[in-house]
Amino acid sequence: MSTPENEPKLVSRRTFLKKSAMISIGALAATTLSSCSPKAESSSAANIKWDKEVDVLVVGSGTVATAAIAAKEAGANSVLVIEKGPGFGGTSALSGGIFWLPMNYAMKDAGIEDNREDAFKYLKIITEGQSTDELINAYLDYSPVFAEWMRDTVGITWEVGPNVNDYYQVAGYRPVGRSIRPFRDGKSLRGMGTWQRLRELCDEMGIEVMLDTAGKQLVTNEAGEVVGLIATSGGADIAIKAHKGVILGTGGFDHNKEMTAAFLRGPIYVSNAVNTNTGDGQIMGMALGADLRNMNESWGLPAFPLEEGTLKGEVDWITYRGKPNAVVVNKYGERFGNESAAYELFQRAFYTYDSGNFEYRNIPAYWIVDSNYVERYFMPGSNNQLGVVPDWIVKADSLEELCKKLGIDWKGLEATLAVFNENALNGVDPMWHRGEFDLDTSTSGDLTGTRTDLKNNCLAPIEKGPFYGAKYMPGTCGTNGGLRVNANAQVLNVWGQIIPRLYAIGNTAGSVMGAGYPGGGGTLAAGGVFGMVAGRHAVALEDVA
């Protein structure tokens, strides 16, 4: 395939070989770390009898699947994908399938303007210093290339989604266009359809896929190069040699309680990520002295919990929280954010620490609606059946009774609603600015087009009994901190030096998005783009000795 004119060049093979010819301090440190491990005997290539040998080994099958396809297309003789779970695609296959890709061709075809200056400005603001110019520029270089590559190589086309705004209305913002939806043969794919196509293409290209196979430990040679991996498959360990490189894409660490407690900015109670996301790639990289980035962040997604670790009803994609006749309050009865904001933005409001009471003041929180809401909108967990109220949602004839049942301070809620209700009737929210932004009104507010009683389609008072409420807690659709990488998705050690032949992408890497979630599909796009980059870069390397 010809190289697009706007595609930047990867780091050259000569530059890579020059860097890896000398054993760096970092490589020596990595060797020392491995030798101190209880599994030191299996970390040295000299002691390994290889069960399988391939050019490129891809660990995971979510967004990292793009790395396998890119590597094979770029000339790899053999590519192997190993997946810890029983199904291909991981959390990505369960997603909505939208990708956030600045300057994509679908925007241009739809007559929507975008430019690099605005996209860079936007990402610099929303990443909050937890990304780098190097990563942001690489992402902007490759985003339009990736969209075209998915069209031309994978056979997936893109369309601009209706009412899919950038999540932050700040400098460089676009109200629509950067989040695009996948299609094939005129049919909308979502995540499941997209990953079905990626799996089909793996089969068509001769890429081997091994399910129920978990990466366990990376293997290095005397020069500190990653030359393979020990995996567990069928109850036994197998050794897989990679002649060119190992690309990690095992997802986040959502289901590793020790890691979430140690790293995240505050507690999470639920995740819609697959339960195989236990930080395997991060741990394997750390064992070699890899540096970490962004470990305090996740793609925030508030939810209704049944019990710790599980969801009750559905995760919240704004729709319940920010509609008219709904509020979210803490146990003191106080609102604490713009309920119509995007899920990641609202999630951050949970983590206000109360130094007088030694607690996160907004955990737990409670979602409250009145009967006007129930008559007009779907309740969470109702399977989109109007008027159906699941039994886990608490009902009461009065707000005071609802407060007693849920554990909310009644006087606090009474004072909050006295202000909120009056403002809502006037269509304003001076405190939290609900309904002032494009995303609020186009995605969260009343979308029925039938309400003539609203001055703002996101705001209406809580006034008509009976009343309903449920506990509402911080959750995630994936952690997004991991191994520090450069623009080629190569993993760096704690001295900022390349760990030769090791790559990380997606939620296994420190995200290019830093502290932010730029728009729908930010997580899929970041992984997909750098997966393509990593696959191409690995193939350009000479085979390891």
Foldseek 3Di string as FASTA:
>chain_A
DDDDPLADDDDAQVVQCVQLVDQDPLLVVLLVLLCPDPPNLVQAPVNDDAPAEFAEEEEAAALLLLLQLLLLVLPTPAYEYEHQAPDGHFLLLVFQAKAQFFPAVQCVVVVHDADDVLQLVLLVVFQVPQFDPQQSVLRNSQRNVLQVCCCPPLVKHKHKDPQFWWQDPDGSTDRTDRIIFIDHPRHTQTRNNSSVSSVVVCVVSVHHYHYSKHWAAFHAYPSLAGFWTWIADPNDIGTYGHQFFYEYERFAQQQQVVLLVVFALDDAFEAPGPNSRRLRLQVNCVSSQFDKGLSHAFAKWKAFPPGGHDGDQDTDQLAQQQEAQKAKAAQQLAGQAQSLRGRLVVLVSQQDADPVVGGSRPPWMKMKGAVVCQQQFDDRNPVGDRNDDDPQKDKDFDPVVVSVVVNHNPVSNVVNLVVQQVVFQVPADVPHGQQVDSSRQSPHFDPPPPDPSGPGRRYHGNDHDTMIMGIMTMHHHGGQMAGEAGSLQFGAGPVRRGSHRYGYFASNHNFNSNRRQGTPNHRSNRRNSSSSSNSSVSSSHGTDD
